[in-house]
Amino acid sequence: MISVSTTRRRTGEVTVLVPICCTVEYDYTPGTPDVPLLKTGDPGNPGEGARCEVTSIVERWFGDHPIEGESREQRLVDAVLRSNAEEVQRQLLADCENEN
């Protein structure tokens, strides 16, 4: 489970922070190291950074409440996830790199 930032929900004049959490499935590709010099003496090539891509959202929670079926809350959670896609990917990459 990954905790994705928060969104502000307004109630009258009071602003309340509501956590949005979800379980996602994603593809992780580990990075490759730089190769500064090949065995032949030729210049090497730069490595590639690790990548991840969210393939689906399995479960969603708005606060402590699971969201099931098509609903306004589900669309809101999905919109927040899309608008924070880079942060979600950063968190997933950090989790994967910490496991290795």
PDB file of N, CA and C in Angstrom:
ATOM      1  N   MET A   1       0.850  -1.166   0.000  1.00  0.00           N
ATOM      2  CA  MET A   1       0.000   0.000   0.000  1.00  0.00           C
ATOM      3  C   MET A   1       0.892   1.223   0.000  1.00  0.00           C
ATOM      4  N   ILE A   2       0.499   2.206  -0.714  1.00  0.00           N
ATOM      5  CA  ILE A   2       1.253   3.448  -0.780  1.00  0.00           C
ATOM      6  C   ILE A   2       0.338   4.577  -0.378  1.00  0.00           C
ATOM      7  N   SER A   3       0.851   5.459   0.416  1.00  0.00           N
ATOM      8  CA  SER A   3       0.065   6.611   0.830  1.00  0.00           C
ATOM      9  C   SER A   3       0.391   7.753  -0.121  1.00  0.00           C
ATOM     10  N   VAL A   4      -0.600   8.234  -0.796  1.00  0.00           N
ATOM     11  CA  VAL A   4      -0.433   9.311  -1.761  1.00  0.00           C
ATOM     12  C   VAL A   4      -0.851  10.592  -1.086  1.00  0.00           C
ATOM     13  N   SER A   5      -0.191  11.674  -1.387  1.00  0.00           N
ATOM     14  CA  SER A   5      -0.415  12.946  -0.718  1.00  0.00           C
ATOM     15  C   SER A   5      -1.821  13.125  -0.158  1.00  0.00           C
ATOM     16  N   THR A   6      -2.201  14.313   0.094  1.00  0.00           N
ATOM     17  CA  THR A   6      -3.518  14.581   0.657  1.00  0.00           C
ATOM     18  C   THR A   6      -4.229  15.616  -0.192  1.00  0.00           C
ATOM     19  N   THR A   7      -5.512  15.640  -0.060  1.00  0.00           N
ATOM     20  CA  THR A   7      -6.301  16.653  -0.752  1.00  0.00           C
ATOM     21  C   THR A   7      -7.077  17.428   0.294  1.00  0.00           C
ATOM     22  N   ARG A   8      -7.421  18.649  -0.017  1.00  0.00           N
ATOM     23  CA  ARG A   8      -8.152  19.468   0.952  1.00  0.00           C
ATOM     24  C   ARG A   8      -9.636  19.406   0.643  1.00  0.00           C
ATOM     25  N   ARG A   9     -10.414  19.070   1.654  1.00  0.00           N
ATOM     26  CA  ARG A   9     -11.864  19.047   1.520  1.00  0.00           C
ATOM     27  C   ARG A   9     -12.397  20.172   2.400  1.00  0.00           C
ATOM     28  N   ARG A  10     -13.176  21.027   1.833  1.00  0.00           N
ATOM     29  CA  ARG A  10     -13.688  22.173   2.595  1.00  0.00           C
ATOM     30  C   ARG A  10     -15.059  21.867   3.164  1.00  0.00           C
ATOM     31  N   THR A  11     -15.231  22.243   4.424  1.00  0.00           N
ATOM     32  CA  THR A  11     -16.522  22.136   5.102  1.00  0.00           C
ATOM     33  C   THR A  11     -16.782  23.485   5.744  1.00  0.00           C
ATOM     34  N   GLY A  12     -17.662  24.264   5.152  1.00  0.00           N
ATOM     35  CA  GLY A  12     -17.868  25.618   5.652  1.00  0.00           C
ATOM     36  C   GLY A  12     -16.574  26.390   5.555  1.00  0.00           C
ATOM     37  N   GLU A  13     -16.140  26.955   6.647  1.00  0.00           N
ATOM     38  CA  GLU A  13     -14.910  27.737   6.691  1.00  0.00           C
ATOM     39  C   GLU A  13     -13.713  26.921   7.154  1.00  0.00           C
ATOM     40  N   VAL A  14     -13.913  25.639   7.430  1.00  0.00           N
ATOM     41  CA  VAL A  14     -12.848  24.801   7.967  1.00  0.00           C
ATOM     42  C   VAL A  14     -12.269  23.947   6.843  1.00  0.00           C
ATOM     43  N   THR A  15     -10.948  23.893   6.758  1.00  0.00           N
ATOM     44  CA  THR A  15     -10.276  23.045   5.783  1.00  0.00           C
ATOM     45  C   THR A  15      -9.788  21.797   6.504  1.00  0.00           C
ATOM     46  N   VAL A  16     -10.188  20.646   5.996  1.00  0.00           N
ATOM     47  CA  VAL A  16      -9.825  19.369   6.616  1.00  0.00           C
ATOM     48  C   VAL A  16      -8.939  18.600   5.637  1.00  0.00           C
ATOM     49  N   LEU A  17      -7.835  18.056   6.130  1.00  0.00           N
ATOM     50  CA  LEU A  17      -6.978  17.223   5.287  1.00  0.00           C
ATOM     51  C   LEU A  17      -7.488  15.788   5.329  1.00  0.00           C
ATOM     52  N   VAL A  18      -7.681  15.189   4.173  1.00  0.00           N
ATOM     53  CA  VAL A  18      -8.190  13.821   4.081  1.00  0.00           C
ATOM     54  C   VAL A  18      -7.151  12.971   3.361  1.00  0.00           C
ATOM     55  N   PRO A  19      -6.624  11.928   4.011  1.00  0.00           N
ATOM     56  CA  PRO A  19      -5.635  11.090   3.328  1.00  0.00           C
ATOM     57  C   PRO A  19      -6.294  10.226   2.262  1.00  0.00           C
ATOM     58  N   ILE A  20      -5.609  10.078   1.161  1.00  0.00           N
ATOM     59  CA  ILE A  20      -6.045   9.202   0.088  1.00  0.00           C
ATOM     60  C   ILE A  20      -5.002   8.109  -0.030  1.00  0.00           C
ATOM     61  N   CYS A  21      -5.431   6.859   0.108  1.00  0.00           N
ATOM     62  CA  CYS A  21      -4.517   5.722   0.021  1.00  0.00           C
ATOM     63  C   CYS A  21      -5.031   4.762  -1.033  1.00  0.00           C
ATOM     64  N   CYS A  22      -4.111   3.988  -1.586  1.00  0.00           N
ATOM     65  CA  CYS A  22      -4.524   3.003  -2.578  1.00  0.00           C
ATOM     66  C   CYS A  22      -3.507   1.875  -2.640  1.00  0.00           C
ATOM     67  N   THR A  23      -3.954   0.765  -3.190  1.00  0.00           N
ATOM     68  CA  THR A  23      -3.075  -0.345  -3.522  1.00  0.00           C
ATOM     69  C   THR A  23      -2.973  -0.354  -5.033  1.00  0.00           C
ATOM     70  N   VAL A  24      -1.756  -0.346  -5.539  1.00  0.00           N
ATOM     71  CA  VAL A  24      -1.558  -0.295  -6.982  1.00  0.00           C
ATOM     72  C   VAL A  24      -0.738  -1.487  -7.446  1.00  0.00           C
ATOM     73  N   GLU A  25      -0.945  -1.862  -8.694  1.00  0.00           N
ATOM     74  CA  GLU A  25      -0.067  -2.810  -9.365  1.00  0.00           C
ATOM     75  C   GLU A  25       0.800  -1.993 -10.297  1.00  0.00           C
ATOM     76  N   TYR A  26       2.083  -2.348 -10.366  1.00  0.00           N
ATOM     77  CA  TYR A  26       2.979  -1.571 -11.211  1.00  0.00           C
ATOM     78  C   TYR A  26       4.117  -2.434 -11.712  1.00  0.00           C
ATOM     79  N   ASP A  27       4.718  -1.978 -12.796  1.00  0.00           N
ATOM     80  CA  ASP A  27       5.892  -2.638 -13.371  1.00  0.00           C
ATOM     81  C   ASP A  27       7.126  -1.856 -12.933  1.00  0.00           C
ATOM     82  N   TYR A  28       8.122  -2.571 -12.437  1.00  0.00           N
ATOM     83  CA  TYR A  28       9.377  -1.962 -11.991  1.00  0.00           C
ATOM     84  C   TYR A  28      10.518  -2.491 -12.848  1.00  0.00           C
ATOM     85  N   THR A  29      11.310  -1.581 -13.371  1.00  0.00           N
ATOM     86  CA  THR A  29      12.501  -1.940 -14.134  1.00  0.00           C
ATOM     87  C   THR A  29      13.701  -1.317 -13.425  1.00  0.00           C
ATOM     88  N   PRO A  30      14.598  -2.156 -12.865  1.00  0.00           N
ATOM     89  CA  PRO A  30      15.755  -1.588 -12.168  1.00  0.00           C
ATOM     90  C   PRO A  30      16.671  -0.860 -13.142  1.00  0.00           C
ATOM     91  N   GLY A  31      17.394   0.089 -12.619  1.00  0.00           N
ATOM     92  CA  GLY A  31      18.336   0.846 -13.439  1.00  0.00           C
ATOM     93  C   GLY A  31      19.577   0.032 -13.780  1.00  0.00           C
ATOM     94  N   THR A  32      20.357   0.552 -14.696  1.00  0.00           N
ATOM     95  CA  THR A  32      21.617  -0.079 -15.064  1.00  0.00           C
ATOM     96  C   THR A  32      22.753   0.903 -14.767  1.00  0.00           C
ATOM     97  N   PRO A  33      23.919   0.398 -14.373  1.00  0.00           N
ATOM     98  CA  PRO A  33      25.024   1.298 -14.033  1.00  0.00           C
ATOM     99  C   PRO A  33      25.678   1.906 -15.274  1.00  0.00           C
ATOM    100  N   ASP A  34      26.377   2.993 -15.070  1.00  0.00           N
ATOM    101  CA  ASP A  34      27.183   3.595 -16.141  1.00  0.00           C
ATOM    102  C   ASP A  34      28.339   2.651 -16.488  1.00  0.00           C
ATOM    103  N   VAL A  35      28.711   2.622 -17.748  1.00  0.00           N
ATOM    104  CA  VAL A  35      29.899   1.884 -18.196  1.00  0.00           C
ATOM    105  C   VAL A  35      30.848   2.937 -18.745  1.00  0.00           C
ATOM    106  N   PRO A  36      31.846   3.389 -17.930  1.00  0.00           N
ATOM    107  CA  PRO A  36      32.696   4.483 -18.362  1.00  0.00           C
ATOM    108  C   PRO A  36      33.631   4.119 -19.518  1.00  0.00           C
ATOM    109  N   LEU A  37      34.070   2.858 -19.580  1.00  0.00           N
ATOM    110  CA  LEU A  37      35.032   2.464 -20.605  1.00  0.00           C
ATOM    111  C   LEU A  37      34.808   0.993 -20.945  1.00  0.00           C
ATOM    112  N   LEU A  38      34.705   0.694 -22.225  1.00  0.00           N
ATOM    113  CA  LEU A  38      34.528  -0.699 -22.651  1.00  0.00           C
ATOM    114  C   LEU A  38      35.867  -1.432 -22.600  1.00  0.00           C
ATOM    115  N   LYS A  39      35.833  -2.760 -22.615  1.00  0.00           N
ATOM    116  CA  LYS A  39      37.061  -3.565 -22.561  1.00  0.00           C
ATOM    117  C   LYS A  39      37.975  -3.280 -23.743  1.00  0.00           C
ATOM    118  N   THR A  40      37.399  -2.841 -24.846  1.00  0.00           N
ATOM    119  CA  THR A  40      38.191  -2.539 -26.043  1.00  0.00           C
ATOM    120  C   THR A  40      38.885  -1.188 -25.933  1.00  0.00           C
ATOM    121  N   GLY A  41      38.582  -0.436 -24.889  1.00  0.00           N
ATOM    122  CA  GLY A  41      39.153   0.892 -24.732  1.00  0.00           C
ATOM    123  C   GLY A  41      38.265   1.987 -25.291  1.00  0.00           C
ATOM    124  N   ASP A  42      37.187   1.589 -25.942  1.00  0.00           N
ATOM    125  CA  ASP A  42      36.250   2.569 -26.482  1.00  0.00           C
ATOM    126  C   ASP A  42      35.452   3.219 -25.351  1.00  0.00           C
ATOM    127  N   PRO A  43      34.975   4.432 -25.604  1.00  0.00           N
ATOM    128  CA  PRO A  43      34.145   5.074 -24.582  1.00  0.00           C
ATOM    129  C   PRO A  43      32.915   4.221 -24.275  1.00  0.00           C
ATOM    130  N   GLY A  44      32.517   4.230 -23.049  1.00  0.00           N
ATOM    131  CA  GLY A  44      31.360   3.452 -22.610  1.00  0.00           C
ATOM    132  C   GLY A  44      30.061   4.176 -22.902  1.00  0.00           C
ATOM    133  N   ASN A  45      29.062   3.841 -22.124  1.00  0.00           N
ATOM    134  CA  ASN A  45      27.769   4.482 -22.295  1.00  0.00           C
ATOM    135  C   ASN A  45      27.123   4.717 -20.936  1.00  0.00           C
ATOM    136  N   PRO A  46      26.247   5.703 -20.881  1.00  0.00           N
ATOM    137  CA  PRO A  46      25.599   5.986 -19.604  1.00  0.00           C
ATOM    138  C   PRO A  46      24.582   4.907 -19.254  1.00  0.00           C
ATOM    139  N   GLY A  47      24.406   4.690 -17.974  1.00  0.00           N
ATOM    140  CA  GLY A  47      23.388   3.751 -17.514  1.00  0.00           C
ATOM    141  C   GLY A  47      22.008   4.383 -17.610  1.00  0.00           C
ATOM    142  N   GLU A  48      21.025   3.604 -17.272  1.00  0.00           N
ATOM    143  CA  GLU A  48      19.655   4.106 -17.263  1.00  0.00           C
ATOM    144  C   GLU A  48      19.128   4.057 -15.843  1.00  0.00           C
ATOM    145  N   GLY A  49      18.300   5.042 -15.509  1.00  0.00           N
ATOM    146  CA  GLY A  49      17.683   5.074 -14.188  1.00  0.00           C
ATOM    147  C   GLY A  49      16.574   4.048 -14.060  1.00  0.00           C
ATOM    148  N   ALA A  50      16.264   3.694 -12.838  1.00  0.00           N
ATOM    149  CA  ALA A  50      15.152   2.772 -12.590  1.00  0.00           C
ATOM    150  C   ALA A  50      13.851   3.439 -13.016  1.00  0.00           C
ATOM    151  N   ARG A  51      12.888   2.604 -13.416  1.00  0.00           N
ATOM    152  CA  ARG A  51      11.592   3.129 -13.847  1.00  0.00           C
ATOM    153  C   ARG A  51      10.481   2.305 -13.239  1.00  0.00           C
ATOM    154  N   CYS A  52       9.332   2.933 -13.071  1.00  0.00           N
ATOM    155  CA  CYS A  52       8.147   2.195 -12.683  1.00  0.00           C
ATOM    156  C   CYS A  52       6.949   2.816 -13.373  1.00  0.00           C
ATOM    157  N   GLU A  53       5.965   1.978 -13.647  1.00  0.00           N
ATOM    158  CA  GLU A  53       4.745   2.434 -14.302  1.00  0.00           C
ATOM    159  C   GLU A  53       3.569   1.764 -13.616  1.00  0.00           C
ATOM    160  N   VAL A  54       2.649   2.571 -13.110  1.00  0.00           N
ATOM    161  CA  VAL A  54       1.445   2.037 -12.479  1.00  0.00           C
ATOM    162  C   VAL A  54       0.563   1.463 -13.582  1.00  0.00           C
ATOM    163  N   THR A  55       0.191   0.183 -13.431  1.00  0.00           N
ATOM    164  CA  THR A  55      -0.636  -0.463 -14.446  1.00  0.00           C
ATOM    165  C   THR A  55      -2.108  -0.497 -14.044  1.00  0.00           C
ATOM    166  N   SER A  56      -2.389  -0.530 -12.742  1.00  0.00           N
ATOM    167  CA  SER A  56      -3.784  -0.483 -12.314  1.00  0.00           C
ATOM    168  C   SER A  56      -3.872  -0.109 -10.840  1.00  0.00           C
ATOM    169  N   ILE A  57      -5.020   0.438 -10.488  1.00  0.00           N
ATOM    170  CA  ILE A  57      -5.321   0.749  -9.094  1.00  0.00           C
ATOM    171  C   ILE A  57      -6.249  -0.358  -8.610  1.00  0.00           C
ATOM    172  N   VAL A  58      -5.800  -1.117  -7.615  1.00  0.00           N
ATOM    173  CA  VAL A  58      -6.538  -2.284  -7.156  1.00  0.00           C
ATOM    174  C   VAL A  58      -7.585  -1.898  -6.115  1.00  0.00           C
ATOM    175  N   GLU A  59      -7.186  -1.130  -5.122  1.00  0.00           N
ATOM    176  CA  GLU A  59      -8.095  -0.701  -4.056  1.00  0.00           C
ATOM    177  C   GLU A  59      -7.862   0.774  -3.770  1.00  0.00           C
ATOM    178  N   ARG A  60      -8.910   1.434  -3.295  1.00  0.00           N
ATOM    179  CA  ARG A  60      -8.819   2.860  -2.956  1.00  0.00           C
ATOM    180  C   ARG A  60      -9.472   3.089  -1.599  1.00  0.00           C
ATOM    181  N   TRP A  61      -8.888   4.011  -0.826  1.00  0.00           N
ATOM    182  CA  TRP A  61      -9.487   4.440   0.425  1.00  0.00           C
ATOM    183  C   TRP A  61      -9.520   5.954   0.450  1.00  0.00           C
ATOM    184  N   PHE A  62     -10.589   6.471   0.940  1.00  0.00           N
ATOM    185  CA  PHE A  62     -10.735   7.915   1.145  1.00  0.00           C
ATOM    186  C   PHE A  62     -10.875   8.072   2.642  1.00  0.00           C
ATOM    187  N   GLY A  63      -9.827   8.558   3.302  1.00  0.00           N
ATOM    188  CA  GLY A  63      -9.810   8.518   4.764  1.00  0.00           C
ATOM    189  C   GLY A  63      -9.683   7.066   5.181  1.00  0.00           C
ATOM    190  N   ASP A  64     -10.514   6.606   6.094  1.00  0.00           N
ATOM    191  CA  ASP A  64     -10.502   5.214   6.551  1.00  0.00           C
ATOM    192  C   ASP A  64     -11.536   4.352   5.841  1.00  0.00           C
ATOM    193  N   HIS A  65     -12.195   4.899   4.844  1.00  0.00           N
ATOM    194  CA  HIS A  65     -13.299   4.196   4.201  1.00  0.00           C
ATOM    195  C   HIS A  65     -12.902   3.661   2.830  1.00  0.00           C
ATOM    196  N   PRO A  66     -13.069   2.338   2.614  1.00  0.00           N
ATOM    197  CA  PRO A  66     -12.780   1.802   1.282  1.00  0.00           C
ATOM    198  C   PRO A  66     -13.794   2.327   0.275  1.00  0.00           C
ATOM    199  N   ILE A  67     -13.340   2.515  -0.930  1.00  0.00           N
ATOM    200  CA  ILE A  67     -14.206   2.991  -2.007  1.00  0.00           C
ATOM    201  C   ILE A  67     -14.401   1.830  -2.967  1.00  0.00           C
ATOM    202  N   GLU A  68     -15.654   1.471  -3.209  1.00  0.00           N
ATOM    203  CA  GLU A  68     -15.953   0.350  -4.092  1.00  0.00           C
ATOM    204  C   GLU A  68     -16.928   0.794  -5.166  1.00  0.00           C
ATOM    205  N   GLY A  69     -16.845   0.174  -6.330  1.00  0.00           N
ATOM    206  CA  GLY A  69     -17.760   0.481  -7.420  1.00  0.00           C
ATOM    207  C   GLY A  69     -17.525   1.865  -7.998  1.00  0.00           C
ATOM    208  N   GLU A  70     -18.287   2.194  -8.999  1.00  0.00           N
ATOM    209  CA  GLU A  70     -18.198   3.518  -9.611  1.00  0.00           C
ATOM    210  C   GLU A  70     -18.852   4.537  -8.689  1.00  0.00           C
ATOM    211  N   SER A  71     -18.103   5.552  -8.317  1.00  0.00           N
ATOM    212  CA  SER A  71     -18.659   6.577  -7.442  1.00  0.00           C
ATOM    213  C   SER A  71     -17.905   7.881  -7.652  1.00  0.00           C
ATOM    214  N   ARG A  72     -18.482   8.946  -7.125  1.00  0.00           N
ATOM    215  CA  ARG A  72     -17.831  10.256  -7.188  1.00  0.00           C
ATOM    216  C   ARG A  72     -16.504  10.213  -6.451  1.00  0.00           C
ATOM    217  N   GLU A  73     -16.463   9.504  -5.308  1.00  0.00           N
ATOM    218  CA  GLU A  73     -15.235   9.406  -4.532  1.00  0.00           C
ATOM    219  C   GLU A  73     -14.138   8.686  -5.302  1.00  0.00           C
ATOM    220  N   GLN A  74     -14.519   7.621  -6.018  1.00  0.00           N
ATOM    221  CA  GLN A  74     -13.527   6.898  -6.812  1.00  0.00           C
ATOM    222  C   GLN A  74     -12.954   7.797  -7.894  1.00  0.00           C
ATOM    223  N   ARG A  75     -13.796   8.549  -8.561  1.00  0.00           N
ATOM    224  CA  ARG A  75     -13.307   9.459  -9.596  1.00  0.00           C
ATOM    225  C   ARG A  75     -12.404  10.526  -8.991  1.00  0.00           C
ATOM    226  N   LEU A  76     -12.730  10.989  -7.782  1.00  0.00           N
ATOM    227  CA  LEU A  76     -11.895  11.984  -7.101  1.00  0.00           C
ATOM    228  C   LEU A  76     -10.524  11.397  -6.774  1.00  0.00           C
ATOM    229  N   VAL A  77     -10.507  10.200  -6.208  1.00  0.00           N
ATOM    230  CA  VAL A  77      -9.236   9.554  -5.874  1.00  0.00           C
ATOM    231  C   VAL A  77      -8.403   9.356  -7.135  1.00  0.00           C
ATOM    232  N   ASP A  78      -9.027   8.876  -8.203  1.00  0.00           N
ATOM    233  CA  ASP A  78      -8.299   8.661  -9.452  1.00  0.00           C
ATOM    234  C   ASP A  78      -7.745   9.976 -10.000  1.00  0.00           C
ATOM    235  N   ALA A  79      -8.524  11.043  -9.887  1.00  0.00           N
ATOM    236  CA  ALA A  79      -8.047  12.350 -10.363  1.00  0.00           C
ATOM    237  C   ALA A  79      -6.857  12.826  -9.531  1.00  0.00           C
ATOM    238  N   VAL A  80      -6.912  12.624  -8.220  1.00  0.00           N
ATOM    239  CA  VAL A  80      -5.794  13.028  -7.362  1.00  0.00           C
ATOM    240  C   VAL A  80      -4.554  12.206  -7.708  1.00  0.00           C
ATOM    241  N   LEU A  81      -4.729  10.909  -7.940  1.00  0.00           N
ATOM    242  CA  LEU A  81      -3.593  10.064  -8.313  1.00  0.00           C
ATOM    243  C   LEU A  81      -2.986  10.504  -9.637  1.00  0.00           C
ATOM    244  N   ARG A  82      -3.830  10.796 -10.613  1.00  0.00           N
ATOM    245  CA  ARG A  82      -3.306  11.248 -11.907  1.00  0.00           C
ATOM    246  C   ARG A  82      -2.545  12.563 -11.762  1.00  0.00           C
ATOM    247  N   SER A  83      -3.077  13.472 -10.965  1.00  0.00           N
ATOM    248  CA  SER A  83      -2.413  14.767 -10.824  1.00  0.00           C
ATOM    249  C   SER A  83      -1.134  14.666  -9.997  1.00  0.00           C
ATOM    250  N   ASN A  84      -0.970  13.574  -9.260  1.00  0.00           N
ATOM    251  CA  ASN A  84       0.241  13.363  -8.455  1.00  0.00           C
ATOM    252  C   ASN A  84       1.042  12.169  -8.966  1.00  0.00           C
ATOM    253  N   ALA A  85       0.927  11.874 -10.257  1.00  0.00           N
ATOM    254  CA  ALA A  85       1.557  10.675 -10.825  1.00  0.00           C
ATOM    255  C   ALA A  85       3.062  10.646 -10.593  1.00  0.00           C
ATOM    256  N   GLU A  86       3.720  11.787 -10.736  1.00  0.00           N
ATOM    257  CA  GLU A  86       5.179  11.805 -10.546  1.00  0.00           C
ATOM    258  C   GLU A  86       5.543  11.477  -9.107  1.00  0.00           C
ATOM    259  N   GLU A  87       4.792  11.988  -8.156  1.00  0.00           N
ATOM    260  CA  GLU A  87       5.064  11.706  -6.740  1.00  0.00           C
ATOM    261  C   GLU A  87       4.803  10.234  -6.429  1.00  0.00           C
ATOM    262  N   VAL A  88       3.733   9.677  -6.995  1.00  0.00           N
ATOM    263  CA  VAL A  88       3.442   8.254  -6.796  1.00  0.00           C
ATOM    264  C   VAL A  88       4.607   7.421  -7.323  1.00  0.00           C
ATOM    265  N   GLN A  89       5.094   7.736  -8.512  1.00  0.00           N
ATOM    266  CA  GLN A  89       6.210   6.982  -9.078  1.00  0.00           C
ATOM    267  C   GLN A  89       7.472   7.149  -8.246  1.00  0.00           C
ATOM    268  N   ARG A  90       7.723   8.360  -7.724  1.00  0.00           N
ATOM    269  CA  ARG A  90       8.900   8.568  -6.859  1.00  0.00           C
ATOM    270  C   ARG A  90       8.813   7.690  -5.619  1.00  0.00           C
ATOM    271  N   GLN A  91       7.625   7.620  -5.005  1.00  0.00           N
ATOM    272  CA  GLN A  91       7.470   6.799  -3.807  1.00  0.00           C
ATOM    273  C   GLN A  91       7.656   5.317  -4.120  1.00  0.00           C
ATOM    274  N   LEU A  92       7.091   4.861  -5.243  1.00  0.00           N
ATOM    275  CA  LEU A  92       7.242   3.455  -5.621  1.00  0.00           C
ATOM    276  C   LEU A  92       8.706   3.125  -5.901  1.00  0.00           C
ATOM    277  N   LEU A  93       9.408   4.002  -6.627  1.00  0.00           N
ATOM    278  CA  LEU A  93      10.827   3.753  -6.910  1.00  0.00           C
ATOM    279  C   LEU A  93      11.633   3.702  -5.624  1.00  0.00           C
ATOM    280  N   ALA A  94      11.357   4.620  -4.712  1.00  0.00           N
ATOM    281  CA  ALA A  94      12.085   4.628  -3.437  1.00  0.00           C
ATOM    282  C   ALA A  94      11.834   3.334  -2.675  1.00  0.00           C
ATOM    283  N   ASP A  95      10.578   2.864  -2.655  1.00  0.00           N
ATOM    284  CA  ASP A  95      10.267   1.595  -1.975  1.00  0.00           C
ATOM    285  C   ASP A  95      11.010   0.439  -2.617  1.00  0.00           C
ATOM    286  N   CYS A  96      11.041   0.389  -3.950  1.00  0.00           N
ATOM    287  CA  CYS A  96      11.731  -0.706  -4.647  1.00  0.00           C
ATOM    288  C   CYS A  96      13.236  -0.668  -4.383  1.00  0.00           C
ATOM    289  N   GLU A  97      13.817   0.515  -4.412  1.00  0.00           N
ATOM    290  CA  GLU A  97      15.249   0.634  -4.194  1.00  0.00           C
ATOM    291  C   GLU A  97      15.625   0.300  -2.758  1.00  0.00           C
ATOM    292  N   ASN A  98      14.738   0.571  -1.799  1.00  0.00           N
ATOM    293  CA  ASN A  98      15.004   0.225  -0.409  1.00  0.00           C
ATOM    294  C   ASN A  98      14.934  -1.279  -0.190  1.00  0.00           C
ATOM    295  N   GLU A  99      14.125  -1.980  -1.007  1.00  0.00           N
ATOM    296  CA  GLU A  99      14.034  -3.439  -0.876  1.00  0.00           C
ATOM    297  C   GLU A  99      15.284  -4.119  -1.395  1.00  0.00           C
ATOM    298  N   ASN A 100      15.986  -3.507  -2.337  1.00  0.00           N
ATOM    299  CA  ASN A 100      17.167  -4.146  -2.945  1.00  0.00           C
ATOM    300  C   ASN A 100      18.422  -3.862  -2.192  1.00  0.00           C
TER     301      ASN A 100
END
